[in-house]
Amino acid sequence: LDPQARHLMWERLQMLLQQGKSILLTTHFMDEAERLCSRLLVLDHGRKIAEGRPRELIAQHLEPEVVEVYGPGALALAEAPAHEGLRALAARVEVSGETVFFYVPDAQPLLQALAPMHPLRTL
């Protein structure tokens, strides 16, 4: 869904919840699950890997900040031995397409280390 339709759908689901209805929601978006669900069941390849309240699961399984890095040379950050120090700042590092995701407890040290690395871009 486009962002506008997604928010409209959220409003409709919220109305149903306020009426006391139960909803079984399937989503890959944690922000959506957190907004609409009081309890979550996380599946991986059809097997339950976690269950609980959204805030509890986020605190237990996700780092509070994610730094997205893209641009020429970004993929080398995830693999090259020269960038091992950067990777050590993150709890985990993932690559999707041409973007590297650093999951960190605090983004500032990583952003400071990345700042001189032009033309990399961060979000």
C-alpha atoms as a PDB file:
ATOM      1  CA  LEU A   1       0.000   0.000   0.000  1.00  0.00           C
ATOM      2  CA  ASP A   2       1.097   3.555  -0.565  1.00  0.00           C
ATOM      3  CA  PRO A   3       1.623   5.567   2.657  1.00  0.00           C
ATOM      4  CA  GLN A   4      -1.732   7.340   2.467  1.00  0.00           C
ATOM      5  CA  ALA A   5      -3.693   4.115   1.934  1.00  0.00           C
ATOM      6  CA  ARG A   6      -1.677   2.411   4.666  1.00  0.00           C
ATOM      7  CA  HIS A   7      -2.616   5.073   7.210  1.00  0.00           C
ATOM      8  CA  LEU A   8      -6.253   4.954   6.129  1.00  0.00           C
ATOM      9  CA  MET A   9      -6.206   1.184   6.682  1.00  0.00           C
ATOM     10  CA  TRP A  10      -4.662   1.717  10.127  1.00  0.00           C
ATOM     11  CA  GLU A  11      -7.489   4.106  11.029  1.00  0.00           C
ATOM     12  CA  ARG A  12     -10.115   1.567   9.984  1.00  0.00           C
ATOM     13  CA  LEU A  13      -8.424  -1.204  11.945  1.00  0.00           C
ATOM     14  CA  GLN A  14      -8.166   1.069  15.004  1.00  0.00           C
ATOM     15  CA  MET A  15     -11.923   1.671  14.784  1.00  0.00           C
ATOM     16  CA  LEU A  16     -12.552  -2.085  14.817  1.00  0.00           C
ATOM     17  CA  LEU A  17     -10.233  -2.514  17.799  1.00  0.00           C
ATOM     18  CA  GLN A  18     -12.068   0.244  19.682  1.00  0.00           C
ATOM     19  CA  GLN A  19     -15.301  -1.676  19.056  1.00  0.00           C
ATOM     20  CA  GLY A  20     -13.777  -4.666  20.850  1.00  0.00           C
ATOM     21  CA  LYS A  21     -13.110  -6.697  17.710  1.00  0.00           C
ATOM     22  CA  SER A  22     -10.153  -9.044  17.462  1.00  0.00           C
ATOM     23  CA  ILE A  23      -7.923  -8.802  14.414  1.00  0.00           C
ATOM     24  CA  LEU A  24      -5.435 -11.286  13.044  1.00  0.00           C
ATOM     25  CA  LEU A  25      -2.860  -9.168  11.216  1.00  0.00           C
ATOM     26  CA  THR A  26      -0.031 -10.460   9.057  1.00  0.00           C
ATOM     27  CA  THR A  27       2.727  -7.919   8.471  1.00  0.00           C
ATOM     28  CA  HIS A  28       6.454  -7.572   7.975  1.00  0.00           C
ATOM     29  CA  PHE A  29       6.466  -4.038   9.389  1.00  0.00           C
ATOM     30  CA  MET A  30       7.209  -3.753  13.097  1.00  0.00           C
ATOM     31  CA  ASP A  31       5.876  -0.182  13.251  1.00  0.00           C
ATOM     32  CA  GLU A  32       2.546  -1.439  11.957  1.00  0.00           C
ATOM     33  CA  ALA A  33       2.475  -4.337  14.407  1.00  0.00           C
ATOM     34  CA  GLU A  34       3.398  -2.061  17.298  1.00  0.00           C
ATOM     35  CA  ARG A  35       0.664   0.416  16.404  1.00  0.00           C
ATOM     36  CA  LEU A  36      -2.130  -2.104  15.871  1.00  0.00           C
ATOM     37  CA  CYS A  37      -1.383  -5.137  18.031  1.00  0.00           C
ATOM     38  CA  SER A  38      -1.480  -5.790  21.745  1.00  0.00           C
ATOM     39  CA  ARG A  39       0.296  -9.150  21.314  1.00  0.00           C
ATOM     40  CA  LEU A  40       2.590 -10.501  18.622  1.00  0.00           C
ATOM     41  CA  LEU A  41       3.612 -13.904  17.417  1.00  0.00           C
ATOM     42  CA  VAL A  42       6.765 -13.911  15.292  1.00  0.00           C
ATOM     43  CA  LEU A  43       7.158 -16.752  12.815  1.00  0.00           C
ATOM     44  CA  ASP A  44      10.221 -17.817  10.861  1.00  0.00           C
ATOM     45  CA  HIS A  45       9.659 -20.452   8.190  1.00  0.00           C
ATOM     46  CA  GLY A  46       6.390 -21.400   9.885  1.00  0.00           C
ATOM     47  CA  ARG A  47       7.902 -21.853  13.347  1.00  0.00           C
ATOM     48  CA  LYS A  48       7.214 -19.629  16.338  1.00  0.00           C
ATOM     49  CA  ILE A  49      10.389 -17.833  17.403  1.00  0.00           C
ATOM     50  CA  ALA A  50       8.961 -15.155  19.712  1.00  0.00           C
ATOM     51  CA  GLU A  51       5.725 -14.108  21.352  1.00  0.00           C
ATOM     52  CA  GLY A  52       4.739 -11.177  23.539  1.00  0.00           C
ATOM     53  CA  ARG A  53       3.785  -7.530  23.678  1.00  0.00           C
ATOM     54  CA  PRO A  54       5.270  -5.343  20.926  1.00  0.00           C
ATOM     55  CA  ARG A  55       7.379  -3.127  23.230  1.00  0.00           C
ATOM     56  CA  GLU A  56       8.759  -6.177  25.055  1.00  0.00           C
ATOM     57  CA  LEU A  57       9.765  -7.901  21.820  1.00  0.00           C
ATOM     58  CA  ILE A  58      11.356  -4.753  20.438  1.00  0.00           C
ATOM     59  CA  ALA A  59      13.383  -4.291  23.625  1.00  0.00           C
ATOM     60  CA  GLN A  60      14.469  -7.944  23.635  1.00  0.00           C
ATOM     61  CA  HIS A  61      15.256  -8.451  19.958  1.00  0.00           C
ATOM     62  CA  LEU A  62      15.934  -5.153  18.201  1.00  0.00           C
ATOM     63  CA  GLU A  63      18.591  -2.530  18.620  1.00  0.00           C
ATOM     64  CA  PRO A  64      17.152   0.927  19.246  1.00  0.00           C
ATOM     65  CA  GLU A  65      18.753   2.546  16.185  1.00  0.00           C
ATOM     66  CA  VAL A  66      19.451   1.572  12.583  1.00  0.00           C
ATOM     67  CA  VAL A  67      21.886   3.405  10.323  1.00  0.00           C
ATOM     68  CA  GLU A  68      21.381   2.848   6.595  1.00  0.00           C
ATOM     69  CA  VAL A  69      24.445   3.396   4.428  1.00  0.00           C
ATOM     70  CA  TYR A  70      24.362   3.535   0.643  1.00  0.00           C
ATOM     71  CA  GLY A  71      26.426   4.866  -2.215  1.00  0.00           C
ATOM     72  CA  PRO A  72      29.702   3.906  -3.871  1.00  0.00           C
ATOM     73  CA  GLY A  73      31.687   1.689  -1.523  1.00  0.00           C
ATOM     74  CA  ALA A  74      28.833   0.964   0.879  1.00  0.00           C
ATOM     75  CA  LEU A  75      28.859  -2.788   0.295  1.00  0.00           C
ATOM     76  CA  ALA A  76      32.549  -2.953   1.204  1.00  0.00           C
ATOM     77  CA  LEU A  77      31.621  -1.771   4.706  1.00  0.00           C
ATOM     78  CA  ALA A  78      29.835  -5.059   5.299  1.00  0.00           C
ATOM     79  CA  GLU A  79      32.682  -7.313   4.175  1.00  0.00           C
ATOM     80  CA  ALA A  80      36.095  -5.693   3.776  1.00  0.00           C
ATOM     81  CA  PRO A  81      38.592  -6.417   6.578  1.00  0.00           C
ATOM     82  CA  ALA A  82      39.574  -2.737   6.553  1.00  0.00           C
ATOM     83  CA  HIS A  83      36.118  -1.871   7.907  1.00  0.00           C
ATOM     84  CA  GLU A  84      36.042  -4.393  10.739  1.00  0.00           C
ATOM     85  CA  GLY A  85      36.178  -1.544  13.266  1.00  0.00           C
ATOM     86  CA  LEU A  86      32.971  -0.062  11.871  1.00  0.00           C
ATOM     87  CA  ARG A  87      31.204  -3.397  12.022  1.00  0.00           C
ATOM     88  CA  ALA A  88      32.323  -3.791  15.640  1.00  0.00           C
ATOM     89  CA  LEU A  89      30.215  -0.734  16.530  1.00  0.00           C
ATOM     90  CA  ALA A  90      27.053  -2.588  15.490  1.00  0.00           C
ATOM     91  CA  ALA A  91      25.213  -5.440  17.147  1.00  0.00           C
ATOM     92  CA  ARG A  92      24.597  -6.759  13.636  1.00  0.00           C
ATOM     93  CA  VAL A  93      25.051  -5.723  10.026  1.00  0.00           C
ATOM     94  CA  GLU A  94      22.772  -6.659   7.131  1.00  0.00           C
ATOM     95  CA  VAL A  95      22.917  -6.013   3.408  1.00  0.00           C
ATOM     96  CA  SER A  96      19.872  -5.519   1.216  1.00  0.00           C
ATOM     97  CA  GLY A  97      20.560  -4.631  -2.383  1.00  0.00           C
ATOM     98  CA  GLU A  98      23.046  -1.771  -2.339  1.00  0.00           C
ATOM     99  CA  THR A  99      22.267  -0.673   1.217  1.00  0.00           C
ATOM    100  CA  VAL A 100      24.070  -1.734   4.392  1.00  0.00           C
ATOM    101  CA  PHE A 101      22.083  -1.649   7.639  1.00  0.00           C
ATOM    102  CA  PHE A 102      23.966  -1.222  10.915  1.00  0.00           C
ATOM    103  CA  TYR A 103      21.862  -2.091  13.976  1.00  0.00           C
ATOM    104  CA  VAL A 104      23.364  -0.140  16.849  1.00  0.00           C
ATOM    105  CA  PRO A 105      22.610   0.784  20.454  1.00  0.00           C
ATOM    106  CA  ASP A 106      23.824   4.344  19.733  1.00  0.00           C
ATOM    107  CA  ALA A 107      24.176   5.739  16.199  1.00  0.00           C
ATOM    108  CA  GLN A 108      26.518   8.639  17.039  1.00  0.00           C
ATOM    109  CA  PRO A 109      29.851   6.746  17.142  1.00  0.00           C
ATOM    110  CA  LEU A 110      29.078   5.037  13.834  1.00  0.00           C
ATOM    111  CA  LEU A 111      27.915   8.257  12.173  1.00  0.00           C
ATOM    112  CA  GLN A 112      31.089  10.018  13.324  1.00  0.00           C
ATOM    113  CA  ALA A 113      33.229   7.222  11.875  1.00  0.00           C
ATOM    114  CA  LEU A 114      31.310   7.317   8.586  1.00  0.00           C
ATOM    115  CA  ALA A 115      31.347  11.122   8.207  1.00  0.00           C
ATOM    116  CA  PRO A 116      34.721  11.371   6.422  1.00  0.00           C
ATOM    117  CA  MET A 117      33.874   8.529   4.020  1.00  0.00           C
ATOM    118  CA  HIS A 118      32.616  10.457   1.004  1.00  0.00           C
ATOM    119  CA  PRO A 119      30.525   9.841  -1.120  1.00  0.00           C
ATOM    120  CA  LEU A 120      28.726   7.448   1.242  1.00  0.00           C
ATOM    121  CA  ARG A 121      25.283   8.567   2.370  1.00  0.00           C
ATOM    122  CA  THR A 122      23.500   7.688   5.591  1.00  0.00           C
ATOM    123  CA  LEU A 123      19.940   7.681   6.849  1.00  0.00           C
END
